[in-house]
């Protein structure tokens, strides 16, 4: 009987420990979703997608792909410079930088 009680207690402890490990991930996923929604609500600042594309092309880059804007209003893209892939940034002021 004592062995069976020990097994039940051990099972409860394992189940409780497992739920504590899962809960923070679920919480952080929810936080990430809320931050992403807040980021989208603040879309009015900085350069537009078209302006970012035009600036990247004007700096001599080609084959722009994966163009996306982060919450910091910086556009990030993968482009090619002389045949080599380059991570390119376009700041809200319109400056073109490499990463």
N, C-alpha and C. Protein backbone atom coordinates (compact mmCIF):
# COMPACT_ATOMS: atom_id res chain seq x y z
N UNK A 1 0.83 -1.19 0.00
CA UNK A 1 0.00 0.00 0.00
C UNK A 1 0.87 1.26 0.00
N UNK A 2 1.96 1.24 0.80
CA UNK A 2 2.85 2.39 0.86
C UNK A 2 3.51 2.65 -0.49
N UNK A 3 3.90 1.58 -1.18
CA UNK A 3 4.52 1.73 -2.49
C UNK A 3 3.55 2.36 -3.48
N UNK A 4 2.31 1.97 -3.47
CA UNK A 4 1.30 2.51 -4.37
C UNK A 4 1.08 3.99 -4.08
N UNK A 5 1.05 4.40 -2.80
CA UNK A 5 0.89 5.80 -2.43
C UNK A 5 2.09 6.62 -2.92
N UNK A 6 3.29 6.05 -2.78
CA UNK A 6 4.49 6.73 -3.27
C UNK A 6 4.43 6.95 -4.78
N UNK A 7 3.94 5.95 -5.50
CA UNK A 7 3.80 6.08 -6.95
C UNK A 7 2.79 7.15 -7.32
N UNK A 8 1.69 7.24 -6.61
CA UNK A 8 0.67 8.25 -6.88
C UNK A 8 1.25 9.64 -6.61
N UNK A 9 1.95 9.79 -5.49
CA UNK A 9 2.55 11.09 -5.17
C UNK A 9 3.58 11.46 -6.22
N UNK A 10 4.40 10.52 -6.65
CA UNK A 10 5.40 10.79 -7.68
C UNK A 10 4.74 11.19 -9.00
N UNK A 11 3.66 10.52 -9.35
CA UNK A 11 2.95 10.85 -10.59
C UNK A 11 2.37 12.26 -10.53
N UNK A 12 1.83 12.63 -9.39
CA UNK A 12 1.27 13.98 -9.23
C UNK A 12 2.38 15.02 -9.33
N UNK A 13 3.53 14.75 -8.73
CA UNK A 13 4.65 15.70 -8.81
C UNK A 13 5.15 15.86 -10.25
N UNK A 14 5.24 14.77 -10.97
CA UNK A 14 5.68 14.83 -12.36
C UNK A 14 4.67 15.60 -13.20
N UNK A 15 3.39 15.34 -12.99
CA UNK A 15 2.35 16.04 -13.76
C UNK A 15 2.38 17.53 -13.46
N UNK A 16 2.57 17.88 -12.21
CA UNK A 16 2.62 19.30 -11.83
C UNK A 16 3.85 19.97 -12.42
N UNK A 17 4.98 19.31 -12.37
CA UNK A 17 6.21 19.88 -12.93
C UNK A 17 6.06 20.08 -14.43
N UNK A 18 5.43 19.15 -15.11
CA UNK A 18 5.22 19.28 -16.55
C UNK A 18 4.35 20.47 -16.90
N UNK A 19 3.31 20.72 -16.11
CA UNK A 19 2.43 21.84 -16.42
C UNK A 19 3.13 23.17 -16.19
N UNK A 20 4.05 23.22 -15.22
CA UNK A 20 4.80 24.44 -14.99
C UNK A 20 5.75 24.73 -16.14
N UNK A 21 6.24 23.68 -16.79
CA UNK A 21 7.13 23.88 -17.92
C UNK A 21 6.38 24.33 -19.15
N UNK A 22 5.14 23.92 -19.31
CA UNK A 22 4.35 24.27 -20.49
C UNK A 22 3.76 25.66 -20.35
N UNK A 23 3.34 26.04 -19.18
CA UNK A 23 2.64 27.31 -18.98
C UNK A 23 3.46 28.53 -19.41
N UNK A 24 4.76 28.65 -19.09
CA UNK A 24 5.49 29.84 -19.53
C UNK A 24 5.53 29.98 -21.04
N UNK A 25 5.65 28.88 -21.78
CA UNK A 25 5.67 28.97 -23.24
C UNK A 25 4.35 29.49 -23.77
N UNK A 26 3.26 29.01 -23.21
CA UNK A 26 1.95 29.48 -23.64
C UNK A 26 1.80 30.96 -23.34
N UNK A 27 2.30 31.38 -22.20
CA UNK A 27 2.22 32.79 -21.83
C UNK A 27 3.06 33.65 -22.76
N UNK A 28 4.28 33.21 -23.06
CA UNK A 28 5.14 34.00 -23.94
C UNK A 28 4.59 34.05 -25.36
N UNK A 29 3.94 32.97 -25.80
CA UNK A 29 3.33 32.98 -27.13
C UNK A 29 2.20 34.00 -27.18
N UNK A 30 1.41 34.08 -26.12
CA UNK A 30 0.33 35.06 -26.05
C UNK A 30 0.89 36.47 -26.04
N UNK A 31 1.97 36.68 -25.29
CA UNK A 31 2.61 37.99 -25.25
C UNK A 31 3.12 38.39 -26.63
N UNK A 32 3.73 37.44 -27.34
CA UNK A 32 4.24 37.72 -28.68
C UNK A 32 3.13 38.12 -29.63
N UNK A 33 1.99 37.45 -29.52
CA UNK A 33 0.83 37.78 -30.36
C UNK A 33 0.34 39.18 -30.05
N UNK A 34 0.26 39.52 -28.76
CA UNK A 34 -0.19 40.86 -28.38
C UNK A 34 0.78 41.93 -28.87
N UNK A 35 2.07 41.67 -28.79
CA UNK A 35 3.07 42.63 -29.27
C UNK A 35 2.96 42.81 -30.77
N UNK A 36 2.74 41.71 -31.49
CA UNK A 36 2.61 41.79 -32.94
C UNK A 36 1.38 42.61 -33.33
N UNK A 37 0.28 42.43 -32.62
CA UNK A 37 -0.93 43.19 -32.90
C UNK A 37 -0.71 44.67 -32.60
N UNK A 38 0.00 44.96 -31.50
CA UNK A 38 0.30 46.34 -31.16
C UNK A 38 1.21 46.96 -32.21
N UNK A 39 2.14 46.16 -32.73
CA UNK A 39 3.06 46.64 -33.76
C UNK A 39 2.29 47.02 -35.02
N UNK A 40 1.34 46.20 -35.42
CA UNK A 40 0.55 46.47 -36.62
C UNK A 40 -0.31 47.71 -36.47
N UNK A 41 -0.72 48.02 -35.24
CA UNK A 41 -1.57 49.18 -35.01
C UNK A 41 -0.79 50.47 -35.21
N UNK A 42 0.54 50.41 -35.16
CA UNK A 42 1.38 51.59 -35.26
C UNK A 42 2.06 51.66 -36.63
N UNK A 43 1.33 51.38 -37.70
CA UNK A 43 1.90 51.30 -39.05
C UNK A 43 2.13 52.64 -39.73
N UNK A 44 1.73 53.74 -39.16
CA UNK A 44 1.71 55.01 -39.87
C UNK A 44 3.08 55.67 -40.00
N UNK A 45 4.09 55.26 -39.25
CA UNK A 45 5.36 55.97 -39.24
C UNK A 45 6.36 55.37 -40.24
N UNK A 46 7.31 56.20 -40.66
CA UNK A 46 8.40 55.72 -41.49
C UNK A 46 8.05 55.62 -42.96
N UNK A 47 8.86 54.85 -43.67
CA UNK A 47 8.71 54.70 -45.11
C UNK A 47 7.69 53.60 -45.44
N UNK A 48 7.14 53.68 -46.61
CA UNK A 48 6.20 52.66 -47.07
C UNK A 48 6.97 51.52 -47.73
N UNK A 49 6.29 50.44 -48.03
CA UNK A 49 6.91 49.30 -48.70
C UNK A 49 7.48 49.73 -50.05
N UNK A 50 6.73 50.51 -50.80
CA UNK A 50 7.18 50.95 -52.12
C UNK A 50 8.42 51.85 -52.00
N UNK A 51 8.41 52.77 -51.03
CA UNK A 51 9.56 53.65 -50.83
C UNK A 51 10.80 52.84 -50.44
N UNK A 52 10.61 51.85 -49.57
CA UNK A 52 11.74 51.01 -49.16
C UNK A 52 12.31 50.26 -50.35
N UNK A 53 11.43 49.70 -51.16
CA UNK A 53 11.88 48.97 -52.36
C UNK A 53 12.64 49.89 -53.30
N UNK A 54 12.11 51.08 -53.55
CA UNK A 54 12.76 52.03 -54.45
C UNK A 54 14.13 52.45 -53.93
N UNK A 55 14.23 52.66 -52.63
CA UNK A 55 15.52 53.07 -52.05
C UNK A 55 16.55 51.94 -52.16
N UNK A 56 16.13 50.71 -51.91
CA UNK A 56 17.06 49.58 -52.01
C UNK A 56 17.57 49.45 -53.44
N UNK A 57 16.67 49.57 -54.40
CA UNK A 57 17.06 49.50 -55.81
C UNK A 57 17.98 50.66 -56.19
N UNK A 58 17.69 51.86 -55.67
CA UNK A 58 18.50 53.03 -55.98
C UNK A 58 19.94 52.89 -55.46
N UNK A 59 20.13 52.10 -54.41
CA UNK A 59 21.47 51.87 -53.88
C UNK A 59 22.21 50.77 -54.63
N UNK A 60 21.60 50.23 -55.69
CA UNK A 60 22.29 49.27 -56.53
C UNK A 60 22.03 47.81 -56.21
N UNK A 61 21.14 47.55 -55.28
CA UNK A 61 20.81 46.16 -54.96
C UNK A 61 19.77 45.65 -55.93
N UNK A 62 19.70 44.32 -56.08
CA UNK A 62 18.71 43.73 -56.99
C UNK A 62 18.08 42.52 -56.32
N UNK A 63 17.09 41.96 -56.97
CA UNK A 63 16.41 40.75 -56.52
C UNK A 63 16.00 40.82 -55.04
N UNK A 64 15.21 41.81 -54.71
CA UNK A 64 14.76 42.02 -53.33
C UNK A 64 13.74 40.96 -52.97
N UNK A 65 13.95 40.33 -51.81
CA UNK A 65 12.97 39.35 -51.33
C UNK A 65 12.88 39.47 -49.81
N UNK A 66 11.88 38.83 -49.25
CA UNK A 66 11.67 38.79 -47.80
C UNK A 66 11.59 40.19 -47.18
N UNK A 67 10.99 41.13 -47.88
CA UNK A 67 10.86 42.49 -47.38
C UNK A 67 9.77 42.54 -46.32
N UNK A 68 10.15 42.95 -45.12
CA UNK A 68 9.17 43.07 -44.04
C UNK A 68 9.60 44.17 -43.08
N UNK A 69 8.61 44.75 -42.41
CA UNK A 69 8.90 45.84 -41.47
C UNK A 69 8.67 45.34 -40.05
N UNK A 70 9.60 45.66 -39.18
CA UNK A 70 9.49 45.29 -37.77
C UNK A 70 8.80 46.38 -36.98
N UNK A 71 8.60 46.12 -35.69
CA UNK A 71 7.97 47.09 -34.81
C UNK A 71 8.79 48.37 -34.67
N UNK A 72 10.07 48.29 -34.98
CA UNK A 72 10.92 49.48 -34.92
C UNK A 72 10.81 50.30 -36.20
N UNK A 73 9.88 49.93 -37.09
CA UNK A 73 9.63 50.60 -38.37
C UNK A 73 10.83 50.55 -39.31
N UNK A 74 11.70 49.58 -39.12
CA UNK A 74 12.83 49.36 -40.02
C UNK A 74 12.46 48.24 -40.97
N UNK A 75 12.59 48.50 -42.26
CA UNK A 75 12.34 47.48 -43.27
C UNK A 75 13.57 46.61 -43.39
N UNK A 76 13.38 45.31 -43.45
CA UNK A 76 14.47 44.36 -43.61
C UNK A 76 14.20 43.51 -44.85
N UNK A 77 15.25 43.27 -45.61
CA UNK A 77 15.08 42.50 -46.84
C UNK A 77 16.37 41.74 -47.15
N UNK A 78 16.21 40.76 -47.99
CA UNK A 78 17.35 40.06 -48.57
C UNK A 78 17.45 40.56 -50.00
N UNK A 79 18.62 41.05 -50.37
CA UNK A 79 18.83 41.56 -51.72
C UNK A 79 20.20 41.07 -52.20
N UNK A 80 20.48 41.32 -53.45
CA UNK A 80 21.76 40.89 -54.01
C UNK A 80 22.58 42.11 -54.43
N UNK A 81 23.87 42.06 -54.09
CA UNK A 81 24.82 43.09 -54.50
C UNK A 81 25.95 42.38 -55.23
N UNK A 82 26.06 42.64 -56.51
CA UNK A 82 27.08 42.01 -57.35
C UNK A 82 27.04 40.49 -57.25
N UNK A 83 25.83 39.94 -57.20
CA UNK A 83 25.64 38.49 -57.18
C UNK A 83 25.69 37.85 -55.81
N UNK A 84 26.02 38.62 -54.78
CA UNK A 84 26.11 38.08 -53.42
C UNK A 84 24.88 38.50 -52.61
N UNK A 85 24.30 37.59 -51.83
CA UNK A 85 23.16 37.96 -50.98
C UNK A 85 23.59 38.86 -49.83
N UNK A 86 22.77 39.86 -49.54
CA UNK A 86 23.07 40.83 -48.50
C UNK A 86 21.79 41.12 -47.73
N UNK A 87 21.88 41.20 -46.39
CA UNK A 87 20.75 41.64 -45.58
C UNK A 87 20.76 43.16 -45.58
N UNK A 88 19.65 43.76 -46.02
CA UNK A 88 19.56 45.20 -46.18
C UNK A 88 18.50 45.75 -45.23
N UNK A 89 18.77 46.93 -44.66
CA UNK A 89 17.83 47.63 -43.80
C UNK A 89 17.48 48.97 -44.41
N UNK A 90 16.24 49.40 -44.26
CA UNK A 90 15.83 50.75 -44.62
C UNK A 90 15.22 51.36 -43.37
N UNK A 91 15.86 52.40 -42.84
CA UNK A 91 15.41 53.01 -41.59
C UNK A 91 14.17 53.88 -41.85
N UNK A 92 13.48 54.28 -40.79
CA UNK A 92 12.32 55.16 -40.99
C UNK A 92 12.66 56.48 -41.68
N UNK A 93 13.91 56.92 -41.55
CA UNK A 93 14.35 58.14 -42.24
C UNK A 93 14.68 57.90 -43.70
N UNK A 94 14.74 56.62 -44.11
CA UNK A 94 15.02 56.28 -45.50
C UNK A 94 16.46 55.91 -45.77
N UNK A 95 17.29 55.83 -44.74
CA UNK A 95 18.68 55.42 -44.93
C UNK A 95 18.74 53.92 -45.25
N UNK A 96 19.60 53.54 -46.18
CA UNK A 96 19.79 52.14 -46.55
C UNK A 96 21.10 51.66 -45.95
N UNK A 97 21.01 50.60 -45.15
CA UNK A 97 22.17 50.05 -44.47
C UNK A 97 22.24 48.54 -44.72
N UNK A 98 23.42 47.97 -44.47
CA UNK A 98 23.55 46.51 -44.54
C UNK A 98 23.71 45.98 -43.14
N UNK A 99 23.29 44.75 -42.98
CA UNK A 99 23.34 44.11 -41.68
C UNK A 99 24.45 43.10 -41.63
